[in-house]
Amino acid sequence: MIEHDRLARLLRDAVPPSTAQAPSRDLWPAVTSRGHSPVSWTWFDLGMAAAVVIVLSAFPDWLWLLAYHL
């Protein structure tokens, strides 16, 4: 087991101290703009949705299994 002083020294050596007193820029506008961006569907998303529809049409009893895991 590592002693507390040795662990603190190892952490101080691994993580250099931060010299910046404030963030370099405001991140909140980037967060809000990303939340307002339109949703884009990829081919993988559409393929997975089609696979779920095909499997559920072949095995309708599996709907309960899918609903349970969602």
N, C-alpha and C. Protein backbone atom coordinates (compact mmCIF):
# COMPACT_ATOMS: atom_id res chain seq x y z
N MET A 1 0.84 -1.18 0.00
CA MET A 1 0.00 0.00 0.00
C MET A 1 0.89 1.25 0.00
N ILE A 2 0.53 2.24 -0.78
CA ILE A 2 1.32 3.46 -0.89
C ILE A 2 0.99 4.40 0.26
N GLU A 3 2.02 4.97 0.83
CA GLU A 3 1.80 5.93 1.91
C GLU A 3 1.22 7.21 1.33
N HIS A 4 0.51 7.95 2.17
CA HIS A 4 -0.16 9.16 1.71
C HIS A 4 0.82 10.21 1.18
N ASP A 5 1.94 10.40 1.86
CA ASP A 5 2.92 11.39 1.40
C ASP A 5 3.53 10.99 0.07
N ARG A 6 3.83 9.71 -0.09
CA ARG A 6 4.42 9.25 -1.35
C ARG A 6 3.41 9.37 -2.49
N LEU A 7 2.14 9.04 -2.22
CA LEU A 7 1.11 9.17 -3.23
C LEU A 7 0.92 10.63 -3.64
N ALA A 8 0.91 11.53 -2.67
CA ALA A 8 0.78 12.95 -2.99
C ALA A 8 1.96 13.43 -3.82
N ARG A 9 3.16 12.98 -3.50
CA ARG A 9 4.35 13.38 -4.27
C ARG A 9 4.27 12.82 -5.69
N LEU A 10 3.84 11.57 -5.84
CA LEU A 10 3.70 10.99 -7.18
C LEU A 10 2.67 11.74 -8.01
N LEU A 11 1.55 12.13 -7.40
CA LEU A 11 0.53 12.89 -8.13
C LEU A 11 1.04 14.27 -8.53
N ARG A 12 1.77 14.93 -7.64
CA ARG A 12 2.33 16.25 -7.99
C ARG A 12 3.33 16.14 -9.13
N ASP A 13 4.11 15.04 -9.15
CA ASP A 13 5.09 14.86 -10.23
C ASP A 13 4.42 14.51 -11.55
N ALA A 14 3.30 13.79 -11.50
CA ALA A 14 2.64 13.34 -12.72
C ALA A 14 1.83 14.45 -13.38
N VAL A 15 1.24 15.34 -12.58
CA VAL A 15 0.38 16.39 -13.10
C VAL A 15 1.06 17.72 -12.85
N PRO A 16 1.49 18.40 -13.92
CA PRO A 16 2.15 19.70 -13.70
C PRO A 16 1.15 20.74 -13.22
N PRO A 17 1.60 21.69 -12.44
CA PRO A 17 0.68 22.72 -11.95
C PRO A 17 0.18 23.61 -13.09
N SER A 18 -1.03 24.07 -12.97
CA SER A 18 -1.61 24.93 -13.97
C SER A 18 -1.16 26.37 -13.74
N THR A 19 -0.72 27.02 -14.80
CA THR A 19 -0.27 28.40 -14.67
C THR A 19 -1.36 29.40 -15.03
N ALA A 20 -2.38 28.94 -15.74
CA ALA A 20 -3.45 29.84 -16.15
C ALA A 20 -4.38 30.11 -14.97
N GLN A 21 -4.75 31.35 -14.80
CA GLN A 21 -5.67 31.73 -13.73
C GLN A 21 -7.12 31.67 -14.19
N ALA A 22 -7.33 31.72 -15.49
CA ALA A 22 -8.69 31.71 -16.05
C ALA A 22 -8.67 30.88 -17.33
N PRO A 23 -9.81 30.37 -17.75
CA PRO A 23 -9.85 29.63 -19.01
C PRO A 23 -9.44 30.51 -20.18
N SER A 24 -8.90 29.88 -21.21
CA SER A 24 -8.45 30.64 -22.37
C SER A 24 -9.61 31.22 -23.17
N ARG A 25 -10.78 30.57 -23.08
CA ARG A 25 -11.97 31.07 -23.77
C ARG A 25 -13.21 30.54 -23.06
N ASP A 26 -14.34 31.13 -23.40
CA ASP A 26 -15.60 30.71 -22.80
C ASP A 26 -16.15 29.53 -23.58
N LEU A 27 -16.37 28.41 -22.91
CA LEU A 27 -16.81 27.20 -23.58
C LEU A 27 -18.33 27.07 -23.68
N TRP A 28 -19.07 27.85 -22.91
CA TRP A 28 -20.52 27.68 -22.89
C TRP A 28 -21.19 27.95 -24.25
N PRO A 29 -20.80 28.97 -25.02
CA PRO A 29 -21.41 29.15 -26.34
C PRO A 29 -21.21 27.94 -27.26
N ALA A 30 -20.06 27.29 -27.18
CA ALA A 30 -19.83 26.10 -28.00
C ALA A 30 -20.74 24.95 -27.56
N VAL A 31 -20.97 24.82 -26.27
CA VAL A 31 -21.85 23.77 -25.76
C VAL A 31 -23.28 24.00 -26.22
N THR A 32 -23.77 25.22 -26.11
CA THR A 32 -25.15 25.49 -26.49
C THR A 32 -25.34 25.40 -28.01
N SER A 33 -24.36 25.81 -28.78
CA SER A 33 -24.51 25.71 -30.24
C SER A 33 -24.52 24.26 -30.69
N ARG A 34 -23.77 23.42 -30.01
CA ARG A 34 -23.77 22.00 -30.37
C ARG A 34 -25.11 21.35 -30.03
N GLY A 35 -25.75 21.80 -28.97
CA GLY A 35 -27.05 21.26 -28.61
C GLY A 35 -28.15 21.68 -29.56
N HIS A 36 -27.97 22.80 -30.24
CA HIS A 36 -28.98 23.29 -31.18
C HIS A 36 -28.74 22.83 -32.61
N SER A 37 -27.65 22.12 -32.85
CA SER A 37 -27.36 21.67 -34.20
C SER A 37 -28.33 20.55 -34.59
N PRO A 38 -28.67 20.45 -35.87
CA PRO A 38 -29.62 19.42 -36.30
C PRO A 38 -29.02 18.02 -36.17
N VAL A 39 -29.88 17.07 -35.92
CA VAL A 39 -29.44 15.68 -35.78
C VAL A 39 -29.21 15.11 -37.17
N SER A 40 -28.07 14.49 -37.36
CA SER A 40 -27.79 13.87 -38.66
C SER A 40 -27.71 12.36 -38.48
N TRP A 41 -28.36 11.64 -39.36
CA TRP A 41 -28.37 10.19 -39.31
C TRP A 41 -27.27 9.66 -40.21
N THR A 42 -26.51 8.72 -39.71
CA THR A 42 -25.46 8.09 -40.51
C THR A 42 -26.01 6.81 -41.10
N TRP A 43 -25.25 6.25 -42.02
CA TRP A 43 -25.66 4.99 -42.64
C TRP A 43 -25.69 3.87 -41.61
N PHE A 44 -24.80 3.93 -40.64
CA PHE A 44 -24.78 2.92 -39.59
C PHE A 44 -26.06 2.98 -38.75
N ASP A 45 -26.51 4.19 -38.41
CA ASP A 45 -27.74 4.34 -37.65
C ASP A 45 -28.94 3.78 -38.40
N LEU A 46 -29.02 4.11 -39.67
CA LEU A 46 -30.13 3.62 -40.49
C LEU A 46 -30.06 2.10 -40.67
N GLY A 47 -28.87 1.58 -40.83
CA GLY A 47 -28.70 0.13 -40.96
C GLY A 47 -29.09 -0.61 -39.70
N MET A 48 -28.73 -0.06 -38.54
CA MET A 48 -29.10 -0.70 -37.27
C MET A 48 -30.61 -0.65 -37.07
N ALA A 49 -31.24 0.46 -37.42
CA ALA A 49 -32.69 0.56 -37.29
C ALA A 49 -33.39 -0.43 -38.23
N ALA A 50 -32.88 -0.56 -39.44
CA ALA A 50 -33.46 -1.52 -40.39
C ALA A 50 -33.27 -2.95 -39.88
N ALA A 51 -32.11 -3.23 -39.30
CA ALA A 51 -31.86 -4.57 -38.77
C ALA A 51 -32.81 -4.89 -37.62
N VAL A 52 -33.07 -3.93 -36.77
CA VAL A 52 -34.01 -4.14 -35.66
C VAL A 52 -35.41 -4.41 -36.19
N VAL A 53 -35.83 -3.65 -37.20
CA VAL A 53 -37.16 -3.85 -37.77
C VAL A 53 -37.27 -5.23 -38.42
N ILE A 54 -36.24 -5.64 -39.13
CA ILE A 54 -36.26 -6.94 -39.81
C ILE A 54 -36.29 -8.08 -38.78
N VAL A 55 -35.44 -7.97 -37.75
CA VAL A 55 -35.40 -9.02 -36.73
C VAL A 55 -36.72 -9.09 -35.97
N LEU A 56 -37.29 -7.93 -35.64
CA LEU A 56 -38.55 -7.95 -34.91
C LEU A 56 -39.71 -8.43 -35.77
N SER A 57 -39.63 -8.23 -37.08
CA SER A 57 -40.68 -8.77 -37.94
C SER A 57 -40.55 -10.28 -38.07
N ALA A 58 -39.32 -10.80 -37.99
CA ALA A 58 -39.12 -12.25 -38.07
C ALA A 58 -39.40 -12.92 -36.73
N PHE A 59 -39.06 -12.25 -35.63
CA PHE A 59 -39.25 -12.80 -34.29
C PHE A 59 -40.00 -11.78 -33.43
N PRO A 60 -41.31 -11.70 -33.53
CA PRO A 60 -42.05 -10.67 -32.78
C PRO A 60 -42.00 -10.86 -31.27
N ASP A 61 -41.72 -12.06 -30.80
CA ASP A 61 -41.62 -12.28 -29.35
C ASP A 61 -40.40 -11.57 -28.75
N TRP A 62 -39.43 -11.23 -29.56
CA TRP A 62 -38.23 -10.56 -29.07
C TRP A 62 -38.49 -9.09 -28.74
N LEU A 63 -39.67 -8.59 -29.06
CA LEU A 63 -39.99 -7.20 -28.72
C LEU A 63 -39.92 -6.99 -27.22
N TRP A 64 -40.36 -7.97 -26.44
CA TRP A 64 -40.30 -7.85 -24.97
C TRP A 64 -38.86 -7.78 -24.51
N LEU A 65 -37.98 -8.54 -25.13
CA LEU A 65 -36.57 -8.52 -24.77
C LEU A 65 -35.97 -7.14 -25.09
N LEU A 66 -36.30 -6.59 -26.23
CA LEU A 66 -35.81 -5.26 -26.60
C LEU A 66 -36.37 -4.20 -25.67
N ALA A 67 -37.66 -4.27 -25.35
CA ALA A 67 -38.27 -3.30 -24.45
C ALA A 67 -37.67 -3.39 -23.06
N TYR A 68 -37.33 -4.57 -22.62
CA TYR A 68 -36.73 -4.76 -21.30
C TYR A 68 -35.37 -4.07 -21.22
N HIS A 69 -34.58 -4.14 -22.28
CA HIS A 69 -33.23 -3.57 -22.26
C HIS A 69 -33.21 -2.08 -22.57
N LEU A 70 -34.30 -1.54 -23.03
CA LEU A 70 -34.33 -0.09 -23.26
C LEU A 70 -34.75 0.57 -21.98
